[in-house]
Amino acid sequence: MDPSSLLESRQDVQGYKILRPVQGVIESIYKIHHNLGVLSNTIVYATYEQPDHMPLTPATIYKALPLVISEHPALATILIDQPSTKKMARTRTWQARLERICFKDCVRFIDDMAEKEQFIRLIQVEHNT
């Protein structure tokens, strides 16, 4: 994925490219969990320090995310349902890659002062939403 193709704005966040049908057991279990609303989010928590000890700003993170995703394209994949070509009124699940991501919609920053408490609340709120 070309890092420059990912957006930071709220434009075109629905575009995706279909990659392949979901076939594996683990993917199927994930799909079932997703449909039931169980464990449907991925949350990554990290702390960073720059060599010059300057604060790490959201702008710096937003600039780095496309590079990270280009190195790890699975971070930009989703599961989608498409109508079956073989059976009427049925769907088939496919893996797709998001063409654009609005980082401001899916990245949150936690203030260092209350970091642990805010993180615990974030996990409680976001885990199954």
N, C-alpha and C. Protein backbone atom coordinates (compact mmCIF):
# COMPACT_ATOMS: atom_id res chain seq x y z
N MET A 1 0.85 -1.17 0.00
CA MET A 1 0.00 0.00 0.00
C MET A 1 0.89 1.23 0.00
N ASP A 2 0.59 2.16 -0.87
CA ASP A 2 1.33 3.41 -0.96
C ASP A 2 0.98 4.29 0.23
N PRO A 3 1.97 4.66 1.07
CA PRO A 3 1.66 5.46 2.25
C PRO A 3 0.95 6.77 1.93
N SER A 4 1.23 7.35 0.78
CA SER A 4 0.61 8.63 0.45
C SER A 4 -0.86 8.48 0.09
N SER A 5 -1.33 7.25 -0.10
CA SER A 5 -2.73 7.06 -0.48
C SER A 5 -3.68 7.09 0.71
N LEU A 6 -3.16 7.03 1.93
CA LEU A 6 -4.01 7.06 3.11
C LEU A 6 -4.30 8.51 3.50
N LEU A 7 -5.55 8.76 3.87
CA LEU A 7 -5.97 10.12 4.20
C LEU A 7 -5.98 10.38 5.68
N GLU A 8 -5.84 11.64 6.04
CA GLU A 8 -6.04 12.07 7.42
C GLU A 8 -7.36 12.81 7.53
N SER A 9 -8.01 13.09 6.44
CA SER A 9 -9.27 13.83 6.48
C SER A 9 -10.44 12.85 6.50
N ARG A 10 -11.65 13.37 6.48
CA ARG A 10 -12.84 12.55 6.56
C ARG A 10 -13.40 12.22 5.17
N GLN A 11 -12.60 12.23 4.14
CA GLN A 11 -13.07 11.97 2.79
C GLN A 11 -12.82 10.52 2.39
N ASP A 12 -13.76 9.95 1.68
CA ASP A 12 -13.60 8.64 1.05
C ASP A 12 -13.17 7.53 2.00
N VAL A 13 -13.74 7.49 3.20
CA VAL A 13 -13.34 6.45 4.15
C VAL A 13 -14.04 5.12 3.87
N GLN A 14 -14.96 5.07 2.92
CA GLN A 14 -15.69 3.83 2.65
C GLN A 14 -15.06 2.99 1.55
N GLY A 15 -14.06 3.47 0.83
CA GLY A 15 -13.48 2.73 -0.28
C GLY A 15 -12.66 1.54 0.17
N TYR A 16 -12.79 0.44 -0.56
CA TYR A 16 -11.99 -0.73 -0.26
C TYR A 16 -11.78 -1.53 -1.53
N LYS A 17 -10.77 -2.39 -1.50
CA LYS A 17 -10.46 -3.28 -2.61
C LYS A 17 -10.63 -4.71 -2.10
N ILE A 18 -11.48 -5.48 -2.76
CA ILE A 18 -11.70 -6.87 -2.35
C ILE A 18 -10.45 -7.69 -2.68
N LEU A 19 -9.98 -8.46 -1.69
CA LEU A 19 -8.76 -9.23 -1.86
C LEU A 19 -9.03 -10.71 -2.14
N ARG A 20 -9.77 -11.36 -1.24
CA ARG A 20 -10.00 -12.80 -1.39
C ARG A 20 -11.13 -13.23 -0.47
N PRO A 21 -11.74 -14.38 -0.76
CA PRO A 21 -12.79 -14.87 0.13
C PRO A 21 -12.19 -15.36 1.45
N VAL A 22 -12.98 -15.26 2.50
CA VAL A 22 -12.57 -15.78 3.81
C VAL A 22 -12.73 -17.29 3.76
N GLN A 23 -11.65 -18.03 4.05
CA GLN A 23 -11.70 -19.48 3.94
C GLN A 23 -11.23 -20.21 5.18
N GLY A 24 -10.32 -19.62 5.93
CA GLY A 24 -9.72 -20.31 7.05
C GLY A 24 -10.62 -20.39 8.27
N VAL A 25 -10.31 -21.33 9.14
CA VAL A 25 -11.08 -21.55 10.36
C VAL A 25 -10.99 -20.32 11.27
N ILE A 26 -9.80 -19.78 11.46
CA ILE A 26 -9.63 -18.62 12.34
C ILE A 26 -10.40 -17.42 11.79
N GLU A 27 -10.32 -17.20 10.48
CA GLU A 27 -11.06 -16.08 9.89
C GLU A 27 -12.56 -16.28 10.05
N SER A 28 -13.01 -17.51 9.89
CA SER A 28 -14.44 -17.79 10.05
C SER A 28 -14.91 -17.55 11.48
N ILE A 29 -14.09 -17.96 12.45
CA ILE A 29 -14.43 -17.72 13.86
C ILE A 29 -14.46 -16.23 14.14
N TYR A 30 -13.48 -15.50 13.60
CA TYR A 30 -13.47 -14.04 13.77
C TYR A 30 -14.75 -13.43 13.20
N LYS A 31 -15.15 -13.90 12.02
CA LYS A 31 -16.36 -13.38 11.37
C LYS A 31 -17.59 -13.64 12.24
N ILE A 32 -17.69 -14.83 12.79
CA ILE A 32 -18.83 -15.17 13.67
C ILE A 32 -18.82 -14.25 14.89
N HIS A 33 -17.66 -14.07 15.52
CA HIS A 33 -17.56 -13.16 16.67
C HIS A 33 -17.96 -11.75 16.28
N HIS A 34 -17.51 -11.30 15.11
CA HIS A 34 -17.85 -9.96 14.65
C HIS A 34 -19.36 -9.81 14.48
N ASN A 35 -19.99 -10.79 13.85
CA ASN A 35 -21.44 -10.73 13.64
C ASN A 35 -22.21 -10.73 14.96
N LEU A 36 -21.67 -11.41 15.96
CA LEU A 36 -22.32 -11.45 17.27
C LEU A 36 -21.97 -10.24 18.14
N GLY A 37 -21.02 -9.43 17.68
CA GLY A 37 -20.60 -8.26 18.45
C GLY A 37 -19.65 -8.61 19.58
N VAL A 38 -18.98 -9.74 19.47
CA VAL A 38 -18.05 -10.18 20.50
C VAL A 38 -16.62 -9.96 20.01
N LEU A 39 -15.82 -9.29 20.81
CA LEU A 39 -14.41 -9.07 20.48
C LEU A 39 -14.23 -8.54 19.06
N SER A 40 -14.95 -7.48 18.73
CA SER A 40 -14.92 -7.00 17.35
C SER A 40 -13.98 -5.83 17.12
N ASN A 41 -13.28 -5.38 18.14
CA ASN A 41 -12.35 -4.26 17.98
C ASN A 41 -10.93 -4.70 18.25
N THR A 42 -10.00 -3.99 17.64
CA THR A 42 -8.59 -4.18 17.94
C THR A 42 -8.11 -2.90 18.59
N ILE A 43 -7.50 -3.02 19.75
CA ILE A 43 -6.99 -1.86 20.45
C ILE A 43 -5.50 -2.05 20.64
N VAL A 44 -4.73 -1.06 20.24
CA VAL A 44 -3.29 -1.08 20.42
C VAL A 44 -2.94 0.05 21.38
N TYR A 45 -2.18 -0.28 22.39
CA TYR A 45 -1.77 0.72 23.38
C TYR A 45 -0.25 0.75 23.39
N ALA A 46 0.31 1.94 23.30
CA ALA A 46 1.77 2.05 23.28
C ALA A 46 2.19 3.39 23.87
N THR A 47 3.41 3.43 24.36
CA THR A 47 4.00 4.69 24.78
C THR A 47 5.27 4.89 23.97
N TYR A 48 5.57 6.12 23.66
CA TYR A 48 6.72 6.43 22.83
C TYR A 48 7.48 7.60 23.43
N GLU A 49 8.77 7.60 23.19
CA GLU A 49 9.60 8.74 23.59
C GLU A 49 10.55 9.03 22.44
N GLN A 50 10.62 10.29 22.06
CA GLN A 50 11.52 10.68 20.98
C GLN A 50 12.93 10.86 21.53
N PRO A 51 13.94 10.63 20.70
CA PRO A 51 15.33 10.77 21.16
C PRO A 51 15.64 12.15 21.74
N ASP A 52 15.01 13.19 21.19
CA ASP A 52 15.28 14.55 21.68
C ASP A 52 14.39 14.93 22.87
N HIS A 53 13.59 13.99 23.36
CA HIS A 53 12.68 14.18 24.49
C HIS A 53 11.59 15.22 24.25
N MET A 54 11.38 15.58 23.00
CA MET A 54 10.29 16.49 22.65
C MET A 54 8.99 15.69 22.70
N PRO A 55 7.88 16.35 23.01
CA PRO A 55 6.59 15.63 23.04
C PRO A 55 6.24 15.08 21.66
N LEU A 56 5.64 13.93 21.68
CA LEU A 56 5.19 13.30 20.44
C LEU A 56 3.80 13.83 20.14
N THR A 57 3.65 14.54 19.05
CA THR A 57 2.38 15.20 18.73
C THR A 57 1.49 14.31 17.88
N PRO A 58 0.18 14.55 17.90
CA PRO A 58 -0.71 13.82 17.00
C PRO A 58 -0.30 13.95 15.54
N ALA A 59 0.18 15.12 15.14
CA ALA A 59 0.60 15.32 13.74
C ALA A 59 1.74 14.36 13.38
N THR A 60 2.66 14.14 14.31
CA THR A 60 3.77 13.21 14.07
C THR A 60 3.25 11.79 13.92
N ILE A 61 2.32 11.40 14.77
CA ILE A 61 1.74 10.05 14.69
C ILE A 61 0.99 9.88 13.38
N TYR A 62 0.16 10.86 13.02
CA TYR A 62 -0.61 10.77 11.77
C TYR A 62 0.32 10.65 10.57
N LYS A 63 1.46 11.28 10.63
CA LYS A 63 2.43 11.20 9.54
C LYS A 63 3.09 9.81 9.48
N ALA A 64 3.29 9.20 10.65
CA ALA A 64 3.96 7.90 10.72
C ALA A 64 3.03 6.73 10.38
N LEU A 65 1.74 6.86 10.67
CA LEU A 65 0.82 5.73 10.48
C LEU A 65 0.79 5.18 9.06
N PRO A 66 0.76 6.01 8.01
CA PRO A 66 0.78 5.43 6.67
C PRO A 66 2.03 4.58 6.40
N LEU A 67 3.15 4.98 6.98
CA LEU A 67 4.38 4.20 6.80
C LEU A 67 4.28 2.85 7.52
N VAL A 68 3.72 2.86 8.72
CA VAL A 68 3.54 1.61 9.48
C VAL A 68 2.60 0.68 8.73
N ILE A 69 1.50 1.23 8.22
CA ILE A 69 0.52 0.41 7.50
C ILE A 69 1.11 -0.12 6.19
N SER A 70 1.97 0.65 5.55
CA SER A 70 2.60 0.14 4.32
C SER A 70 3.52 -1.03 4.63
N GLU A 71 4.12 -1.05 5.83
CA GLU A 71 4.96 -2.17 6.25
C GLU A 71 4.14 -3.36 6.75
N HIS A 72 2.93 -3.08 7.25
CA HIS A 72 2.06 -4.12 7.81
C HIS A 72 0.65 -3.95 7.23
N PRO A 73 0.44 -4.33 5.97
CA PRO A 73 -0.83 -4.08 5.28
C PRO A 73 -2.05 -4.72 5.96
N ALA A 74 -1.85 -5.74 6.76
CA ALA A 74 -2.99 -6.37 7.44
C ALA A 74 -3.70 -5.39 8.37
N LEU A 75 -3.01 -4.33 8.80
CA LEU A 75 -3.64 -3.33 9.66
C LEU A 75 -4.74 -2.56 8.95
N ALA A 76 -4.78 -2.65 7.63
CA ALA A 76 -5.79 -1.92 6.86
C ALA A 76 -6.80 -2.86 6.21
N THR A 77 -6.95 -4.08 6.76
CA THR A 77 -7.90 -5.02 6.18
C THR A 77 -9.16 -5.12 7.03
N ILE A 78 -10.26 -5.41 6.34
CA ILE A 78 -11.56 -5.58 6.98
C ILE A 78 -12.24 -6.79 6.37
N LEU A 79 -13.31 -7.25 6.99
CA LEU A 79 -14.15 -8.30 6.41
C LEU A 79 -15.43 -7.66 5.93
N ILE A 80 -15.86 -8.03 4.73
CA ILE A 80 -17.11 -7.51 4.17
C ILE A 80 -17.94 -8.66 3.63
N ASP A 81 -19.24 -8.46 3.59
CA ASP A 81 -20.14 -9.45 3.00
C ASP A 81 -20.56 -8.96 1.62
N GLN A 82 -20.52 -9.87 0.67
CA GLN A 82 -20.96 -9.60 -0.70
C GLN A 82 -22.00 -10.64 -1.09
N PRO A 83 -22.96 -10.29 -1.95
CA PRO A 83 -23.94 -11.29 -2.38
C PRO A 83 -23.25 -12.50 -3.03
N SER A 84 -23.76 -13.67 -2.72
CA SER A 84 -23.22 -14.89 -3.30
C SER A 84 -23.56 -14.96 -4.78
N THR A 85 -22.61 -15.44 -5.58
CA THR A 85 -22.87 -15.62 -7.01
C THR A 85 -23.46 -16.99 -7.28
N LYS A 86 -23.46 -17.88 -6.27
CA LYS A 86 -23.95 -19.24 -6.45
C LYS A 86 -25.33 -19.48 -5.85
N LYS A 87 -25.62 -18.81 -4.72
CA LYS A 87 -26.89 -19.06 -4.04
C LYS A 87 -27.64 -17.74 -3.84
N MET A 88 -28.89 -17.72 -4.25
CA MET A 88 -29.72 -16.53 -4.09
C MET A 88 -29.94 -16.24 -2.61
N ALA A 89 -30.02 -14.97 -2.28
CA ALA A 89 -30.31 -14.49 -0.92
C ALA A 89 -29.25 -14.93 0.10
N ARG A 90 -28.07 -15.26 -0.35
CA ARG A 90 -26.96 -15.61 0.53
C ARG A 90 -25.83 -14.62 0.32
N THR A 91 -24.96 -14.56 1.31
CA THR A 91 -23.78 -13.71 1.17
C THR A 91 -22.52 -14.53 1.41
N ARG A 92 -21.41 -13.99 0.97
CA ARG A 92 -20.11 -14.61 1.21
C ARG A 92 -19.21 -13.54 1.80
N THR A 93 -18.38 -13.94 2.74
CA THR A 93 -17.49 -12.99 3.40
C THR A 93 -16.15 -12.94 2.67
N TRP A 94 -15.68 -11.71 2.46
CA TRP A 94 -14.43 -11.47 1.77
C TRP A 94 -13.52 -10.61 2.64
N GLN A 95 -12.22 -10.80 2.44
CA GLN A 95 -11.26 -9.89 3.06
C GLN A 95 -11.05 -8.75 2.08
N ALA A 96 -11.02 -7.53 2.60
CA ALA A 96 -10.83 -6.35 1.76
C ALA A 96 -9.82 -5.42 2.43
N ARG A 97 -9.15 -4.64 1.60
CA ARG A 97 -8.18 -3.65 2.11
C ARG A 97 -8.78 -2.26 1.95
N LEU A 98 -8.78 -1.51 3.04
CA LEU A 98 -9.26 -0.14 2.98
C LEU A 98 -8.34 0.68 2.09
N GLU A 99 -8.93 1.46 1.20
CA GLU A 99 -8.13 2.31 0.33
C GLU A 99 -7.72 3.59 1.04
N ARG A 100 -8.55 4.04 1.94
CA ARG A 100 -8.26 5.26 2.69
C ARG A 100 -8.73 5.08 4.13
N ILE A 101 -8.00 5.68 5.05
CA ILE A 101 -8.35 5.59 6.46
C ILE A 101 -8.35 6.99 7.05
N CYS A 102 -9.40 7.32 7.75
CA CYS A 102 -9.48 8.60 8.47
C CYS A 102 -8.91 8.36 9.87
N PHE A 103 -7.64 8.64 10.05
CA PHE A 103 -6.98 8.38 11.33
C PHE A 103 -7.63 9.14 12.48
N LYS A 104 -8.15 10.31 12.21
CA LYS A 104 -8.76 11.10 13.28
C LYS A 104 -10.01 10.42 13.83
N ASP A 105 -10.61 9.51 13.06
CA ASP A 105 -11.78 8.76 13.53
C ASP A 105 -11.40 7.53 14.34
N CYS A 106 -10.19 7.01 14.18
CA CYS A 106 -9.87 5.73 14.81
C CYS A 106 -8.63 5.76 15.70
N VAL A 107 -8.02 6.91 15.89
CA VAL A 107 -6.85 7.02 16.76
C VAL A 107 -7.20 7.97 17.90
N ARG A 108 -6.92 7.53 19.11
CA ARG A 108 -7.15 8.38 20.29
C ARG A 108 -5.83 8.57 21.02
N PHE A 109 -5.68 9.74 21.58
CA PHE A 109 -4.49 10.06 22.36
C PHE A 109 -4.89 10.24 23.82
N ILE A 110 -4.09 9.66 24.71
CA ILE A 110 -4.38 9.71 26.14
C ILE A 110 -3.32 10.59 26.81
N ASP A 111 -3.76 11.52 27.63
CA ASP A 111 -2.87 12.41 28.36
C ASP A 111 -2.03 11.60 29.36
N ASP A 112 -0.75 11.89 29.42
CA ASP A 112 0.16 11.16 30.31
C ASP A 112 -0.23 11.26 31.79
N MET A 113 -0.84 12.35 32.20
CA MET A 113 -1.14 12.58 33.61
C MET A 113 -2.07 11.51 34.19
N ALA A 114 -3.07 11.13 33.45
CA ALA A 114 -4.03 10.15 33.96
C ALA A 114 -4.02 8.92 33.08
N GLU A 115 -2.87 8.60 32.56
CA GLU A 115 -2.73 7.56 31.54
C GLU A 115 -3.35 6.22 31.93
N LYS A 116 -2.99 5.68 33.07
CA LYS A 116 -3.46 4.35 33.44
C LYS A 116 -4.97 4.31 33.61
N GLU A 117 -5.53 5.28 34.30
CA GLU A 117 -6.98 5.33 34.51
C GLU A 117 -7.74 5.49 33.19
N GLN A 118 -7.24 6.38 32.34
CA GLN A 118 -7.89 6.60 31.05
C GLN A 118 -7.82 5.35 30.18
N PHE A 119 -6.69 4.67 30.22
CA PHE A 119 -6.54 3.45 29.43
C PHE A 119 -7.53 2.38 29.87
N ILE A 120 -7.68 2.21 31.17
CA ILE A 120 -8.63 1.21 31.69
C ILE A 120 -10.05 1.56 31.24
N ARG A 121 -10.43 2.84 31.33
CA ARG A 121 -11.77 3.25 30.88
C ARG A 121 -11.93 3.04 29.38
N LEU A 122 -10.89 3.35 28.61
CA LEU A 122 -10.95 3.16 27.16
C LEU A 122 -11.20 1.69 26.81
N ILE A 123 -10.48 0.80 27.46
CA ILE A 123 -10.67 -0.64 27.21
C ILE A 123 -12.10 -1.05 27.56
N GLN A 124 -12.60 -0.59 28.70
CA GLN A 124 -13.96 -0.95 29.12
C GLN A 124 -15.00 -0.45 28.13
N VAL A 125 -14.84 0.76 27.63
CA VAL A 125 -15.83 1.35 26.73
C VAL A 125 -15.73 0.77 25.32
N GLU A 126 -14.52 0.63 24.81
CA GLU A 126 -14.32 0.27 23.41
C GLU A 126 -14.25 -1.22 23.12
N HIS A 127 -14.03 -2.03 24.12
CA HIS A 127 -13.77 -3.45 23.87
C HIS A 127 -14.84 -4.11 23.02
N ASN A 128 -16.09 -3.90 23.32
CA ASN A 128 -17.15 -4.56 22.56
C ASN A 128 -18.12 -3.58 21.92
N THR A 129 -17.63 -2.45 21.45
CA THR A 129 -18.52 -1.51 20.76
C THR A 129 -18.27 -1.56 19.28
